[in-house]
PDB file of N, CA and C in Angstrom:
ATOM      1  N   MET A   1     178.437 -11.984 -44.393  1.00  0.00           N
ATOM      2  CA  MET A   1     178.858 -11.578 -43.067  1.00  0.00           C
ATOM      3  C   MET A   1     178.244 -10.200 -42.784  1.00  0.00           C
ATOM      4  N   ARG A   2     177.693 -10.059 -41.605  1.00  0.00           N
ATOM      5  CA  ARG A   2     177.077  -8.786 -41.213  1.00  0.00           C
ATOM      6  C   ARG A   2     178.139  -7.804 -40.737  1.00  0.00           C
ATOM      7  N   TYR A   3     177.829  -6.519 -40.912  1.00  0.00           N
ATOM      8  CA  TYR A   3     178.757  -5.469 -40.509  1.00  0.00           C
ATOM      9  C   TYR A   3     179.043  -5.520 -39.007  1.00  0.00           C
ATOM     10  N   ALA A   4     178.047  -5.833 -38.206  1.00  0.00           N
ATOM     11  CA  ALA A   4     178.247  -5.937 -36.754  1.00  0.00           C
ATOM     12  C   ALA A   4     179.296  -6.998 -36.442  1.00  0.00           C
ATOM     13  N   GLU A   5     179.265  -8.094 -37.160  1.00  0.00           N
ATOM     14  CA  GLU A   5     180.240  -9.161 -36.947  1.00  0.00           C
ATOM     15  C   GLU A   5     181.648  -8.691 -37.315  1.00  0.00           C
ATOM     16  N   VAL A   6     181.771  -7.922 -38.373  1.00  0.00           N
ATOM     17  CA  VAL A   6     183.073  -7.372 -38.772  1.00  0.00           C
ATOM     18  C   VAL A   6     183.615  -6.462 -37.670  1.00  0.00           C
ATOM     19  N   LEU A   7     182.765  -5.580 -37.143  1.00  0.00           N
ATOM     20  CA  LEU A   7     183.196  -4.671 -36.074  1.00  0.00           C
ATOM     21  C   LEU A   7     183.629  -5.442 -34.833  1.00  0.00           C
ATOM     22  N   LEU A   8     182.884  -6.461 -34.467  1.00  0.00           N
ATOM     23  CA  LEU A   8     183.224  -7.251 -33.282  1.00  0.00           C
ATOM     24  C   LEU A   8     184.485  -8.079 -33.498  1.00  0.00           C
ATOM     25  N   ASN A   9     184.688  -8.598 -34.700  1.00  0.00           N
ATOM     26  CA  ASN A   9     185.927  -9.316 -35.001  1.00  0.00           C
ATOM     27  C   ASN A   9     187.127  -8.390 -34.855  1.00  0.00           C
ATOM     28  N   TYR A  10     186.992  -7.179 -35.385  1.00  0.00           N
ATOM     29  CA  TYR A  10     188.063  -6.182 -35.289  1.00  0.00           C
ATOM     30  C   TYR A  10     188.350  -5.840 -33.826  1.00  0.00           C
ATOM     31  N   ALA A  11     187.299  -5.589 -33.059  1.00  0.00           N
ATOM     32  CA  ALA A  11     187.455  -5.235 -31.646  1.00  0.00           C
ATOM     33  C   ALA A  11     188.122  -6.367 -30.873  1.00  0.00           C
ATOM     34  N   GLU A  12     187.676  -7.569 -31.099  1.00  0.00           N
ATOM     35  CA  GLU A  12     188.234  -8.709 -30.378  1.00  0.00           C
ATOM     36  C   GLU A  12     189.702  -8.931 -30.746  1.00  0.00           C
ATOM     37  N   ALA A  13     190.031  -8.808 -32.017  1.00  0.00           N
ATOM     38  CA  ALA A  13     191.420  -8.984 -32.452  1.00  0.00           C
ATOM     39  C   ALA A  13     192.329  -7.923 -31.835  1.00  0.00           C
ATOM     40  N   LYS A  14     191.891  -6.656 -31.867  1.00  0.00           N
ATOM     41  CA  LYS A  14     192.692  -5.586 -31.277  1.00  0.00           C
ATOM     42  C   LYS A  14     192.853  -5.790 -29.773  1.00  0.00           C
ATOM     43  N   GLN A  15     191.815  -6.249 -29.103  1.00  0.00           N
ATOM     44  CA  GLN A  15     191.898  -6.505 -27.663  1.00  0.00           C
ATOM     45  C   GLN A  15     192.880  -7.641 -27.385  1.00  0.00           C
ATOM     46  N   GLU A  16     192.821  -8.693 -28.172  1.00  0.00           N
ATOM     47  CA  GLU A  16     193.742  -9.822 -27.997  1.00  0.00           C
ATOM     48  C   GLU A  16     195.194  -9.394 -28.218  1.00  0.00           C
ATOM     49  N   LEU A  17     195.412  -8.446 -29.135  1.00  0.00           N
ATOM     50  CA  LEU A  17     196.762  -7.945 -29.405  1.00  0.00           C
ATOM     51  C   LEU A  17     197.242  -6.939 -28.366  1.00  0.00           C
ATOM     52  N   GLY A  18     196.303  -6.440 -27.550  1.00  0.00           N
ATOM     53  CA  GLY A  18     196.654  -5.466 -26.527  1.00  0.00           C
ATOM     54  C   GLY A  18     196.761  -4.044 -27.047  1.00  0.00           C
ATOM     55  N   THR A  19     196.144  -3.781 -28.188  1.00  0.00           N
ATOM     56  CA  THR A  19     196.212  -2.439 -28.779  1.00  0.00           C
ATOM     57  C   THR A  19     194.856  -1.745 -28.825  1.00  0.00           C
ATOM     58  N   PHE A  20     193.869  -2.302 -28.174  1.00  0.00           N
ATOM     59  CA  PHE A  20     192.513  -1.737 -28.177  1.00  0.00           C
ATOM     60  C   PHE A  20     192.461  -0.523 -27.260  1.00  0.00           C
ATOM     61  N   ASN A  21     191.831   0.570 -27.726  1.00  0.00           N
ATOM     62  CA  ASN A  21     191.765   1.801 -26.928  1.00  0.00           C
ATOM     63  C   ASN A  21     190.369   2.426 -27.017  1.00  0.00           C
ATOM     64  N   ASP A  22     190.200   3.593 -26.400  1.00  0.00           N
ATOM     65  CA  ASP A  22     188.894   4.269 -26.382  1.00  0.00           C
ATOM     66  C   ASP A  22     188.377   4.585 -27.778  1.00  0.00           C
ATOM     67  N   VAL A  23     189.251   4.977 -28.678  1.00  0.00           N
ATOM     68  CA  VAL A  23     188.834   5.301 -30.049  1.00  0.00           C
ATOM     69  C   VAL A  23     188.310   4.039 -30.733  1.00  0.00           C
ATOM     70  N   ASP A  24     189.030   2.933 -30.576  1.00  0.00           N
ATOM     71  CA  ASP A  24     188.563   1.666 -31.154  1.00  0.00           C
ATOM     72  C   ASP A  24     187.214   1.261 -30.570  1.00  0.00           C
ATOM     73  N   TRP A  25     187.068   1.448 -29.262  1.00  0.00           N
ATOM     74  CA  TRP A  25     185.805   1.118 -28.597  1.00  0.00           C
ATOM     75  C   TRP A  25     184.654   1.929 -29.206  1.00  0.00           C
ATOM     76  N   SER A  26     184.859   3.227 -29.363  1.00  0.00           N
ATOM     77  CA  SER A  26     183.812   4.099 -29.914  1.00  0.00           C
ATOM     78  C   SER A  26     183.429   3.703 -31.333  1.00  0.00           C
ATOM     79  N   LYS A  27     184.416   3.289 -32.114  1.00  0.00           N
ATOM     80  CA  LYS A  27     184.168   2.947 -33.519  1.00  0.00           C
ATOM     81  C   LYS A  27     183.588   1.552 -33.717  1.00  0.00           C
ATOM     82  N   THR A  28     183.669   0.717 -32.700  1.00  0.00           N
ATOM     83  CA  THR A  28     183.184  -0.655 -32.844  1.00  0.00           C
ATOM     84  C   THR A  28     181.992  -0.912 -31.924  1.00  0.00           C
ATOM     85  N   VAL A  29     182.263  -1.239 -30.687  1.00  0.00           N
ATOM     86  CA  VAL A  29     181.201  -1.549 -29.732  1.00  0.00           C
ATOM     87  C   VAL A  29     180.314  -0.323 -29.506  1.00  0.00           C
ATOM     88  N   GLY A  30     180.924   0.841 -29.396  1.00  0.00           N
ATOM     89  CA  GLY A  30     180.149   2.072 -29.206  1.00  0.00           C
ATOM     90  C   GLY A  30     179.196   2.331 -30.357  1.00  0.00           C
ATOM     91  N   ALA A  31     179.672   2.084 -31.581  1.00  0.00           N
ATOM     92  CA  ALA A  31     178.820   2.285 -32.765  1.00  0.00           C
ATOM     93  C   ALA A  31     177.634   1.322 -32.747  1.00  0.00           C
ATOM     94  N   LEU A  32     177.880   0.086 -32.351  1.00  0.00           N
ATOM     95  CA  LEU A  32     176.789  -0.893 -32.274  1.00  0.00           C
ATOM     96  C   LEU A  32     175.781  -0.522 -31.203  1.00  0.00           C
ATOM     97  N   ARG A  33     176.292  -0.078 -30.060  1.00  0.00           N
ATOM     98  CA  ARG A  33     175.386   0.334 -28.980  1.00  0.00           C
ATOM     99  C   ARG A  33     174.598   1.575 -29.364  1.00  0.00           C
ATOM    100  N   ALA A  34     175.239   2.529 -30.008  1.00  0.00           N
ATOM    101  CA  ALA A  34     174.544   3.743 -30.440  1.00  0.00           C
ATOM    102  C   ALA A  34     173.446   3.400 -31.442  1.00  0.00           C
ATOM    103  N   ARG A  35     173.735   2.488 -32.356  1.00  0.00           N
ATOM    104  CA  ARG A  35     172.740   2.066 -33.339  1.00  0.00           C
ATOM    105  C   ARG A  35     171.531   1.421 -32.666  1.00  0.00           C
ATOM    106  N   ALA A  36     171.783   0.759 -31.538  1.00  0.00           N
ATOM    107  CA  ALA A  36     170.699   0.107 -30.795  1.00  0.00           C
ATOM    108  C   ALA A  36     170.002   1.061 -29.830  1.00  0.00           C
ATOM    109  N   GLY A  37     170.480   2.322 -29.766  1.00  0.00           N
ATOM    110  CA  GLY A  37     169.859   3.301 -28.883  1.00  0.00           C
ATOM    111  C   GLY A  37     170.390   3.252 -27.459  1.00  0.00           C
ATOM    112  N   ILE A  38     171.522   2.608 -27.266  1.00  0.00           N
ATOM    113  CA  ILE A  38     172.132   2.506 -25.933  1.00  0.00           C
ATOM    114  C   ILE A  38     173.259   3.525 -25.862  1.00  0.00           C
ATOM    115  N   SER A  39     173.099   4.520 -25.010  1.00  0.00           N
ATOM    116  CA  SER A  39     174.129   5.554 -24.916  1.00  0.00           C
ATOM    117  C   SER A  39     175.104   5.298 -23.777  1.00  0.00           C
ATOM    118  N   ASP A  40     174.692   4.529 -22.791  1.00  0.00           N
ATOM    119  CA  ASP A  40     175.554   4.261 -21.638  1.00  0.00           C
ATOM    120  C   ASP A  40     176.716   3.355 -22.042  1.00  0.00           C
ATOM    121  N   GLY A  41     177.935   3.821 -21.824  1.00  0.00           N
ATOM    122  CA  GLY A  41     179.119   3.027 -22.116  1.00  0.00           C
ATOM    123  C   GLY A  41     179.489   2.943 -23.573  1.00  0.00           C
ATOM    124  N   ALA A  42     178.982   3.856 -24.386  1.00  0.00           N
ATOM    125  CA  ALA A  42     179.263   3.802 -25.817  1.00  0.00           C
ATOM    126  C   ALA A  42     180.618   4.396 -26.182  1.00  0.00           C
ATOM    127  N   ASN A  43     181.176   5.263 -25.338  1.00  0.00           N
ATOM    128  CA  ASN A  43     182.405   5.949 -25.720  1.00  0.00           C
ATOM    129  C   ASN A  43     183.597   5.701 -24.812  1.00  0.00           C
ATOM    130  N   VAL A  44     183.415   4.941 -23.751  1.00  0.00           N
ATOM    131  CA  VAL A  44     184.494   4.722 -22.791  1.00  0.00           C
ATOM    132  C   VAL A  44     184.656   3.226 -22.528  1.00  0.00           C
ATOM    133  N   LEU A  45     185.893   2.779 -22.510  1.00  0.00           N
ATOM    134  CA  LEU A  45     186.161   1.375 -22.208  1.00  0.00           C
ATOM    135  C   LEU A  45     185.646   1.000 -20.820  1.00  0.00           C
ATOM    136  N   PRO A  46     185.074  -0.174 -20.664  1.00  0.00           N
ATOM    137  CA  PRO A  46     184.628  -0.606 -19.345  1.00  0.00           C
ATOM    138  C   PRO A  46     185.831  -0.872 -18.439  1.00  0.00           C
ATOM    139  N   THR A  47     185.677  -0.595 -17.173  1.00  0.00           N
ATOM    140  CA  THR A  47     186.766  -0.807 -16.217  1.00  0.00           C
ATOM    141  C   THR A  47     186.410  -1.822 -15.139  1.00  0.00           C
ATOM    142  N   LYS A  48     185.128  -2.163 -15.024  1.00  0.00           N
ATOM    143  CA  LYS A  48     184.691  -3.118 -14.007  1.00  0.00           C
ATOM    144  C   LYS A  48     184.126  -4.370 -14.659  1.00  0.00           C
ATOM    145  N   VAL A  49     184.440  -5.496 -14.079  1.00  0.00           N
ATOM    146  CA  VAL A  49     183.930  -6.775 -14.566  1.00  0.00           C
ATOM    147  C   VAL A  49     182.489  -6.939 -14.132  1.00  0.00           C
ATOM    148  N   ASP A  50     181.634  -7.308 -15.062  1.00  0.00           N
ATOM    149  CA  ASP A  50     180.254  -7.674 -14.745  1.00  0.00           C
ATOM    150  C   ASP A  50     180.307  -9.105 -14.217  1.00  0.00           C
ATOM    151  N   THR A  51     180.182  -9.255 -12.914  1.00  0.00           N
ATOM    152  CA  THR A  51     180.366 -10.571 -12.299  1.00  0.00           C
ATOM    153  C   THR A  51     179.330 -11.600 -12.760  1.00  0.00           C
ATOM    154  N   TYR A  52     178.106 -11.163 -13.007  1.00  0.00           N
ATOM    155  CA  TYR A  52     177.092 -12.101 -13.497  1.00  0.00           C
ATOM    156  C   TYR A  52     177.493 -12.647 -14.863  1.00  0.00           C
ATOM    157  N   LEU A  53     177.888 -11.758 -15.762  1.00  0.00           N
ATOM    158  CA  LEU A  53     178.299 -12.160 -17.101  1.00  0.00           C
ATOM    159  C   LEU A  53     179.501 -13.108 -17.021  1.00  0.00           C
ATOM    160  N   LYS A  54     180.464 -12.758 -16.212  1.00  0.00           N
ATOM    161  CA  LYS A  54     181.665 -13.581 -16.067  1.00  0.00           C
ATOM    162  C   LYS A  54     181.329 -14.942 -15.483  1.00  0.00           C
ATOM    163  N   ASN A  55     180.640 -14.963 -14.370  1.00  0.00           N
ATOM    164  CA  ASN A  55     180.368 -16.229 -13.677  1.00  0.00           C
ATOM    165  C   ASN A  55     179.412 -17.134 -14.437  1.00  0.00           C
ATOM    166  N   THR A  56     178.440 -16.539 -15.131  1.00  0.00           N
ATOM    167  CA  THR A  56     177.415 -17.333 -15.800  1.00  0.00           C
ATOM    168  C   THR A  56     177.832 -17.800 -17.194  1.00  0.00           C
ATOM    169  N   PHE A  57     178.482 -16.934 -17.961  1.00  0.00           N
ATOM    170  CA  PHE A  57     178.749 -17.255 -19.360  1.00  0.00           C
ATOM    171  C   PHE A  57     180.232 -17.408 -19.716  1.00  0.00           C
ATOM    172  N   PHE A  58     181.097 -16.630 -19.088  1.00  0.00           N
ATOM    173  CA  PHE A  58     182.512 -16.618 -19.466  1.00  0.00           C
ATOM    174  C   PHE A  58     183.423 -16.718 -18.248  1.00  0.00           C
ATOM    175  N   PRO A  59     183.407 -17.842 -17.535  1.00  0.00           N
ATOM    176  CA  PRO A  59     184.201 -17.938 -16.308  1.00  0.00           C
ATOM    177  C   PRO A  59     185.707 -17.830 -16.540  1.00  0.00           C
ATOM    178  N   GLY A  60     186.174 -18.070 -17.739  1.00  0.00           N
ATOM    179  CA  GLY A  60     187.600 -18.010 -18.028  1.00  0.00           C
ATOM    180  C   GLY A  60     188.104 -16.636 -18.418  1.00  0.00           C
ATOM    181  N   ILE A  61     187.217 -15.642 -18.502  1.00  0.00           N
ATOM    182  CA  ILE A  61     187.613 -14.299 -18.931  1.00  0.00           C
ATOM    183  C   ILE A  61     187.463 -13.334 -17.761  1.00  0.00           C
ATOM    184  N   SER A  62     188.512 -12.604 -17.458  1.00  0.00           N
ATOM    185  CA  SER A  62     188.445 -11.634 -16.361  1.00  0.00           C
ATOM    186  C   SER A  62     188.697 -10.205 -16.825  1.00  0.00           C
ATOM    187  N   ASN A  63     188.915 -10.007 -18.121  1.00  0.00           N
ATOM    188  CA  ASN A  63     189.135  -8.672 -18.672  1.00  0.00           C
ATOM    189  C   ASN A  63     187.785  -8.019 -18.963  1.00  0.00           C
ATOM    190  N   PRO A  64     187.489  -6.859 -18.360  1.00  0.00           N
ATOM    191  CA  PRO A  64     186.174  -6.246 -18.554  1.00  0.00           C
ATOM    192  C   PRO A  64     185.885  -5.853 -20.005  1.00  0.00           C
ATOM    193  N   VAL A  65     186.900  -5.473 -20.754  1.00  0.00           N
ATOM    194  CA  VAL A  65     186.697  -5.100 -22.154  1.00  0.00           C
ATOM    195  C   VAL A  65     186.307  -6.327 -22.976  1.00  0.00           C
ATOM    196  N   MET A  66     187.045  -7.416 -22.801  1.00  0.00           N
ATOM    197  CA  MET A  66     186.733  -8.637 -23.558  1.00  0.00           C
ATOM    198  C   MET A  66     185.358  -9.174 -23.176  1.00  0.00           C
ATOM    199  N   LEU A  67     184.996  -9.079 -21.916  1.00  0.00           N
ATOM    200  CA  LEU A  67     183.661  -9.513 -21.506  1.00  0.00           C
ATOM    201  C   LEU A  67     182.573  -8.725 -22.234  1.00  0.00           C
ATOM    202  N   GLU A  68     182.756  -7.428 -22.355  1.00  0.00           N
ATOM    203  CA  GLU A  68     181.749  -6.598 -23.040  1.00  0.00           C
ATOM    204  C   GLU A  68     181.719  -6.877 -24.539  1.00  0.00           C
ATOM    205  N   ILE A  69     182.866  -7.147 -25.126  1.00  0.00           N
ATOM    206  CA  ILE A  69     182.888  -7.518 -26.547  1.00  0.00           C
ATOM    207  C   ILE A  69     182.123  -8.822 -26.736  1.00  0.00           C
ATOM    208  N   ARG A  70     182.346  -9.775 -25.847  1.00  0.00           N
ATOM    209  CA  ARG A  70     181.627 -11.053 -25.941  1.00  0.00           C
ATOM    210  C   ARG A  70     180.132 -10.864 -25.704  1.00  0.00           C
ATOM    211  N   ARG A  71     179.763  -9.949 -24.804  1.00  0.00           N
ATOM    212  CA  ARG A  71     178.343  -9.653 -24.576  1.00  0.00           C
ATOM    213  C   ARG A  71     177.705  -9.148 -25.883  1.00  0.00           C
ATOM    214  N   GLU A  72     178.395  -8.237 -26.540  1.00  0.00           N
ATOM    215  CA  GLU A  72     177.883  -7.679 -27.797  1.00  0.00           C
ATOM    216  C   GLU A  72     177.779  -8.756 -28.870  1.00  0.00           C
ATOM    217  N   ARG A  73     178.732  -9.661 -28.890  1.00  0.00           N
ATOM    218  CA  ARG A  73     178.707 -10.729 -29.892  1.00  0.00           C
ATOM    219  C   ARG A  73     177.472 -11.617 -29.707  1.00  0.00           C
ATOM    220  N   GLN A  74     177.069 -11.849 -28.467  1.00  0.00           N
ATOM    221  CA  GLN A  74     175.890 -12.677 -28.212  1.00  0.00           C
ATOM    222  C   GLN A  74     174.617 -12.017 -28.737  1.00  0.00           C
ATOM    223  N   GLY A  75     174.604 -10.690 -28.731  1.00  0.00           N
ATOM    224  CA  GLY A  75     173.403  -9.978 -29.157  1.00  0.00           C
ATOM    225  C   GLY A  75     173.367  -9.663 -30.635  1.00  0.00           C
ATOM    226  N   SER A  76     174.487  -9.858 -31.312  1.00  0.00           N
ATOM    227  CA  SER A  76     174.511  -9.457 -32.734  1.00  0.00           C
ATOM    228  C   SER A  76     173.994 -10.540 -33.642  1.00  0.00           C
TER     229      SER A  76
END
């Protein structure tokens, strides 16, 4: 199992439990984005739904945080 998968599993589980916060985001999704050289959105939870991502790939998900976690999972 890759470390990225472990981080995304942790992030998704915490989000499903309703205990995911900015610190968790920075340590999981933010760390993956920073490693990839992406600084935008690495330290703050998303607040807006990416409508393209939602409509095209995840029509059943309307939570912006879960959508971004799923986006990261597709790229890992």
